[in-house]
Amino acid sequence: QVQLVESGGGLVQAGGSLRLSCAASGSIFSRNAMGWYRQAPGKQRELVAAITSGGSTNYADSVKGRFIISRDNAKNTVYLQMNSLKPEDSAVYYCAARPPFTSENYWGQGTQVTVSS
Protein backbone atom coordinates (compact mmCIF):
# COMPACT_ATOMS: atom_id res chain seq x y z
CA GLN A 1 0.00 0.00 0.00
CA VAL A 2 1.29 3.43 -0.95
CA GLN A 3 0.32 6.61 0.87
CA LEU A 4 0.73 9.96 -0.86
CA VAL A 5 0.39 13.42 0.65
CA GLU A 6 0.48 16.49 -1.59
CA SER A 7 1.24 20.03 -0.52
CA GLY A 8 2.10 23.39 -2.05
CA GLY A 9 -1.10 24.35 -3.80
CA GLY A 10 -2.66 27.76 -3.47
CA LEU A 11 -3.71 30.95 -5.18
CA VAL A 12 -1.28 32.70 -7.52
CA GLN A 13 -1.49 35.39 -10.16
CA ALA A 14 -1.01 34.59 -13.82
CA GLY A 15 2.68 34.47 -14.64
CA GLY A 16 3.60 33.34 -11.16
CA SER A 17 5.08 30.10 -9.89
CA LEU A 18 4.23 27.34 -7.45
CA ARG A 19 6.00 24.18 -6.39
CA LEU A 20 3.96 21.13 -5.47
CA SER A 21 5.38 18.38 -3.31
CA CYS A 22 4.22 14.81 -2.83
CA ALA A 23 5.56 12.77 0.04
CA ALA A 24 5.26 9.02 -0.35
CA SER A 25 5.36 6.14 2.11
CA GLY A 26 4.52 2.48 2.21
CA SER A 27 6.64 1.26 -0.65
CA ILE A 28 10.16 1.40 -2.04
CA PHE A 29 9.83 4.89 -3.48
CA SER A 30 12.80 4.71 -5.80
CA ARG A 31 11.19 1.86 -7.72
CA ASN A 32 7.92 3.70 -8.39
CA ALA A 33 6.99 5.63 -11.46
CA MET A 34 5.47 8.90 -10.25
CA GLY A 35 3.17 11.38 -11.88
CA TRP A 36 1.14 14.52 -11.46
CA TYR A 37 -2.39 14.72 -12.81
CA ARG A 38 -4.93 17.50 -12.69
CA GLN A 39 -8.67 17.79 -12.89
CA ALA A 40 -10.57 21.00 -13.54
CA PRO A 41 -14.32 21.31 -12.87
CA GLY A 42 -16.32 19.52 -15.54
CA LYS A 43 -13.24 18.00 -17.15
CA GLN A 44 -11.57 14.63 -17.06
CA ARG A 45 -8.46 14.04 -15.04
CA GLU A 46 -5.40 14.45 -17.25
CA LEU A 47 -1.73 13.60 -16.98
CA VAL A 48 0.44 16.67 -16.49
CA ALA A 49 3.88 15.15 -16.01
CA ALA A 50 5.47 11.82 -15.17
CA ILE A 51 8.87 10.55 -14.12
CA THR A 52 10.11 6.99 -14.21
CA SER A 53 12.21 5.24 -11.59
CA GLY A 54 15.19 5.94 -13.84
CA GLY A 55 14.45 9.66 -14.05
CA SER A 56 12.99 9.87 -17.55
CA THR A 57 10.27 12.47 -17.83
CA ASN A 58 7.35 13.29 -20.06
CA TYR A 59 4.94 16.20 -20.10
CA ALA A 60 1.58 17.18 -21.49
CA ASP A 61 1.99 19.50 -24.45
CA SER A 62 0.14 22.23 -22.57
CA VAL A 63 2.83 22.47 -19.88
CA LYS A 64 6.02 21.72 -21.79
CA GLY A 65 8.63 24.38 -21.16
CA ARG A 66 6.77 25.70 -18.09
CA PHE A 67 6.56 22.77 -15.64
CA ILE A 68 9.33 20.56 -14.33
CA ILE A 69 8.85 17.25 -12.54
CA SER A 70 11.63 15.94 -10.34
CA ARG A 71 12.14 13.40 -7.60
CA ASP A 72 14.30 13.07 -4.51
CA ASN A 73 14.55 9.40 -3.65
CA ALA A 74 16.35 10.16 -0.38
CA LYS A 75 13.29 12.13 0.75
CA ASN A 76 10.66 9.88 -0.88
CA THR A 77 9.28 12.99 -2.53
CA VAL A 78 8.29 14.05 -6.02
CA TYR A 79 7.97 17.69 -7.01
CA LEU A 80 6.23 19.70 -9.68
CA GLN A 81 7.72 23.12 -10.32
CA MET A 82 5.12 25.20 -12.14
CA ASN A 83 6.25 28.41 -13.81
CA SER A 84 4.51 30.98 -16.01
CA LEU A 85 1.18 29.82 -14.68
CA LYS A 86 -1.96 30.52 -16.66
CA PRO A 87 -5.61 30.65 -15.53
CA GLU A 88 -6.20 27.45 -17.49
CA ASP A 89 -3.75 25.67 -15.19
CA SER A 90 -6.30 26.03 -12.37
CA ALA A 91 -7.34 22.59 -11.15
CA VAL A 92 -6.99 20.08 -8.38
CA TYR A 93 -3.58 18.49 -8.78
CA TYR A 94 -3.12 14.86 -7.81
CA CYS A 95 0.03 12.91 -7.17
CA ALA A 96 0.10 9.34 -8.43
CA ALA A 97 2.42 6.42 -7.81
CA ARG A 98 2.75 3.23 -9.78
CA PRO A 99 4.93 0.54 -8.24
CA PRO A 100 6.64 -1.89 -10.59
CA PHE A 101 4.63 -4.80 -11.99
CA THR A 102 1.30 -3.08 -11.24
CA SER A 103 -1.29 -1.59 -13.56
CA GLU A 104 -3.07 0.68 -11.11
CA ASN A 105 -2.10 4.07 -9.68
CA TYR A 106 -2.16 4.98 -6.05
CA TRP A 107 -3.51 8.51 -5.55
CA GLY A 108 -3.05 11.35 -3.15
CA GLN A 109 -5.92 13.48 -1.86
CA GLY A 110 -5.21 16.36 -4.22
CA THR A 111 -4.21 19.97 -3.78
CA GLN A 112 -6.00 22.96 -5.28
CA VAL A 113 -4.15 25.32 -7.60
CA THR A 114 -5.93 28.50 -8.60
CA VAL A 115 -4.40 30.97 -11.06
CA SER A 116 -6.04 34.38 -11.21
CA SER A 117 -5.93 36.53 -14.34
C-alpha atoms as a PDB file:
ATOM      1  CA  GLN A   1       0.000   0.000   0.000  1.00  0.00           C
ATOM      2  CA  VAL A   2       1.289   3.429  -0.952  1.00  0.00           C
ATOM      3  CA  GLN A   3       0.321   6.615   0.871  1.00  0.00           C
ATOM      4  CA  LEU A   4       0.734   9.957  -0.857  1.00  0.00           C
ATOM      5  CA  VAL A   5       0.392  13.424   0.650  1.00  0.00           C
ATOM      6  CA  GLU A   6       0.476  16.493  -1.589  1.00  0.00           C
ATOM      7  CA  SER A   7       1.245  20.033  -0.516  1.00  0.00           C
ATOM      8  CA  GLY A   8       2.103  23.386  -2.047  1.00  0.00           C
ATOM      9  CA  GLY A   9      -1.099  24.354  -3.797  1.00  0.00           C
ATOM     10  CA  GLY A  10      -2.657  27.764  -3.466  1.00  0.00           C
ATOM     11  CA  LEU A  11      -3.712  30.952  -5.181  1.00  0.00           C
ATOM     12  CA  VAL A  12      -1.276  32.700  -7.518  1.00  0.00           C
ATOM     13  CA  GLN A  13      -1.490  35.386 -10.158  1.00  0.00           C
ATOM     14  CA  ALA A  14      -1.006  34.590 -13.820  1.00  0.00           C
ATOM     15  CA  GLY A  15       2.678  34.467 -14.641  1.00  0.00           C
ATOM     16  CA  GLY A  16       3.596  33.336 -11.161  1.00  0.00           C
ATOM     17  CA  SER A  17       5.078  30.096  -9.891  1.00  0.00           C
ATOM     18  CA  LEU A  18       4.227  27.338  -7.445  1.00  0.00           C
ATOM     19  CA  ARG A  19       5.999  24.182  -6.386  1.00  0.00           C
ATOM     20  CA  LEU A  20       3.959  21.128  -5.474  1.00  0.00           C
ATOM     21  CA  SER A  21       5.377  18.376  -3.313  1.00  0.00           C
ATOM     22  CA  CYS A  22       4.216  14.813  -2.828  1.00  0.00           C
ATOM     23  CA  ALA A  23       5.564  12.769   0.044  1.00  0.00           C
ATOM     24  CA  ALA A  24       5.257   9.020  -0.355  1.00  0.00           C
ATOM     25  CA  SER A  25       5.356   6.139   2.111  1.00  0.00           C
ATOM     26  CA  GLY A  26       4.519   2.476   2.208  1.00  0.00           C
ATOM     27  CA  SER A  27       6.645   1.258  -0.651  1.00  0.00           C
ATOM     28  CA  ILE A  28      10.161   1.400  -2.045  1.00  0.00           C
ATOM     29  CA  PHE A  29       9.826   4.885  -3.477  1.00  0.00           C
ATOM     30  CA  SER A  30      12.796   4.705  -5.799  1.00  0.00           C
ATOM     31  CA  ARG A  31      11.185   1.861  -7.725  1.00  0.00           C
ATOM     32  CA  ASN A  32       7.920   3.698  -8.390  1.00  0.00           C
ATOM     33  CA  ALA A  33       6.992   5.630 -11.459  1.00  0.00           C
ATOM     34  CA  MET A  34       5.471   8.900 -10.253  1.00  0.00           C
ATOM     35  CA  GLY A  35       3.174  11.377 -11.884  1.00  0.00           C
ATOM     36  CA  TRP A  36       1.140  14.523 -11.461  1.00  0.00           C
ATOM     37  CA  TYR A  37      -2.385  14.719 -12.811  1.00  0.00           C
ATOM     38  CA  ARG A  38      -4.926  17.500 -12.685  1.00  0.00           C
ATOM     39  CA  GLN A  39      -8.673  17.791 -12.893  1.00  0.00           C
ATOM     40  CA  ALA A  40     -10.568  20.997 -13.541  1.00  0.00           C
ATOM     41  CA  PRO A  41     -14.317  21.306 -12.867  1.00  0.00           C
ATOM     42  CA  GLY A  42     -16.324  19.522 -15.541  1.00  0.00           C
ATOM     43  CA  LYS A  43     -13.239  18.003 -17.149  1.00  0.00           C
ATOM     44  CA  GLN A  44     -11.567  14.626 -17.059  1.00  0.00           C
ATOM     45  CA  ARG A  45      -8.458  14.037 -15.043  1.00  0.00           C
ATOM     46  CA  GLU A  46      -5.397  14.450 -17.251  1.00  0.00           C
ATOM     47  CA  LEU A  47      -1.732  13.599 -16.976  1.00  0.00           C
ATOM     48  CA  VAL A  48       0.440  16.673 -16.486  1.00  0.00           C
ATOM     49  CA  ALA A  49       3.882  15.155 -16.014  1.00  0.00           C
ATOM     50  CA  ALA A  50       5.467  11.825 -15.168  1.00  0.00           C
ATOM     51  CA  ILE A  51       8.869  10.552 -14.117  1.00  0.00           C
ATOM     52  CA  THR A  52      10.111   6.988 -14.207  1.00  0.00           C
ATOM     53  CA  SER A  53      12.208   5.242 -11.590  1.00  0.00           C
ATOM     54  CA  GLY A  54      15.190   5.944 -13.844  1.00  0.00           C
ATOM     55  CA  GLY A  55      14.445   9.658 -14.051  1.00  0.00           C
ATOM     56  CA  SER A  56      12.989   9.868 -17.553  1.00  0.00           C
ATOM     57  CA  THR A  57      10.269  12.470 -17.833  1.00  0.00           C
ATOM     58  CA  ASN A  58       7.352  13.295 -20.063  1.00  0.00           C
ATOM     59  CA  TYR A  59       4.938  16.201 -20.104  1.00  0.00           C
ATOM     60  CA  ALA A  60       1.579  17.180 -21.488  1.00  0.00           C
ATOM     61  CA  ASP A  61       1.987  19.504 -24.449  1.00  0.00           C
ATOM     62  CA  SER A  62       0.144  22.234 -22.574  1.00  0.00           C
ATOM     63  CA  VAL A  63       2.831  22.467 -19.877  1.00  0.00           C
ATOM     64  CA  LYS A  64       6.024  21.719 -21.791  1.00  0.00           C
ATOM     65  CA  GLY A  65       8.633  24.385 -21.160  1.00  0.00           C
ATOM     66  CA  ARG A  66       6.767  25.696 -18.092  1.00  0.00           C
ATOM     67  CA  PHE A  67       6.558  22.770 -15.644  1.00  0.00           C
ATOM     68  CA  ILE A  68       9.329  20.557 -14.328  1.00  0.00           C
ATOM     69  CA  ILE A  69       8.850  17.248 -12.543  1.00  0.00           C
ATOM     70  CA  SER A  70      11.628  15.937 -10.340  1.00  0.00           C
ATOM     71  CA  ARG A  71      12.142  13.399  -7.597  1.00  0.00           C
ATOM     72  CA  ASP A  72      14.301  13.072  -4.509  1.00  0.00           C
ATOM     73  CA  ASN A  73      14.550   9.400  -3.653  1.00  0.00           C
ATOM     74  CA  ALA A  74      16.349  10.157  -0.383  1.00  0.00           C
ATOM     75  CA  LYS A  75      13.288  12.131   0.754  1.00  0.00           C
ATOM     76  CA  ASN A  76      10.657   9.877  -0.879  1.00  0.00           C
ATOM     77  CA  THR A  77       9.275  12.987  -2.527  1.00  0.00           C
ATOM     78  CA  VAL A  78       8.291  14.053  -6.020  1.00  0.00           C
ATOM     79  CA  TYR A  79       7.971  17.690  -7.009  1.00  0.00           C
ATOM     80  CA  LEU A  80       6.231  19.697  -9.679  1.00  0.00           C
ATOM     81  CA  GLN A  81       7.716  23.120 -10.317  1.00  0.00           C
ATOM     82  CA  MET A  82       5.121  25.200 -12.143  1.00  0.00           C
ATOM     83  CA  ASN A  83       6.252  28.415 -13.812  1.00  0.00           C
ATOM     84  CA  SER A  84       4.509  30.979 -16.014  1.00  0.00           C
ATOM     85  CA  LEU A  85       1.181  29.818 -14.675  1.00  0.00           C
ATOM     86  CA  LYS A  86      -1.963  30.516 -16.656  1.00  0.00           C
ATOM     87  CA  PRO A  87      -5.607  30.653 -15.526  1.00  0.00           C
ATOM     88  CA  GLU A  88      -6.205  27.447 -17.495  1.00  0.00           C
ATOM     89  CA  ASP A  89      -3.752  25.667 -15.188  1.00  0.00           C
ATOM     90  CA  SER A  90      -6.296  26.034 -12.370  1.00  0.00           C
ATOM     91  CA  ALA A  91      -7.339  22.593 -11.154  1.00  0.00           C
ATOM     92  CA  VAL A  92      -6.987  20.080  -8.383  1.00  0.00           C
ATOM     93  CA  TYR A  93      -3.577  18.492  -8.775  1.00  0.00           C
ATOM     94  CA  TYR A  94      -3.123  14.862  -7.806  1.00  0.00           C
ATOM     95  CA  CYS A  95       0.028  12.913  -7.172  1.00  0.00           C
ATOM     96  CA  ALA A  96       0.097   9.337  -8.428  1.00  0.00           C
ATOM     97  CA  ALA A  97       2.425   6.417  -7.813  1.00  0.00           C
ATOM     98  CA  ARG A  98       2.751   3.231  -9.778  1.00  0.00           C
ATOM     99  CA  PRO A  99       4.929   0.542  -8.244  1.00  0.00           C
ATOM    100  CA  PRO A 100       6.645  -1.885 -10.589  1.00  0.00           C
ATOM    101  CA  PHE A 101       4.626  -4.803 -11.988  1.00  0.00           C
ATOM    102  CA  THR A 102       1.301  -3.083 -11.244  1.00  0.00           C
ATOM    103  CA  SER A 103      -1.285  -1.589 -13.557  1.00  0.00           C
ATOM    104  CA  GLU A 104      -3.069   0.682 -11.113  1.00  0.00           C
ATOM    105  CA  ASN A 105      -2.103   4.071  -9.682  1.00  0.00           C
ATOM    106  CA  TYR A 106      -2.157   4.985  -6.047  1.00  0.00           C
ATOM    107  CA  TRP A 107      -3.509   8.511  -5.553  1.00  0.00           C
ATOM    108  CA  GLY A 108      -3.052  11.354  -3.147  1.00  0.00           C
ATOM    109  CA  GLN A 109      -5.923  13.476  -1.858  1.00  0.00           C
ATOM    110  CA  GLY A 110      -5.210  16.360  -4.225  1.00  0.00           C
ATOM    111  CA  THR A 111      -4.208  19.971  -3.782  1.00  0.00           C
ATOM    112  CA  GLN A 112      -6.002  22.963  -5.277  1.00  0.00           C
ATOM    113  CA  VAL A 113      -4.150  25.315  -7.604  1.00  0.00           C
ATOM    114  CA  THR A 114      -5.929  28.503  -8.599  1.00  0.00           C
ATOM    115  CA  VAL A 115      -4.403  30.973 -11.057  1.00  0.00           C
ATOM    116  CA  SER A 116      -6.041  34.382 -11.209  1.00  0.00           C
ATOM    117  CA  SER A 117      -5.927  36.529 -14.335  1.00  0.00           C
END
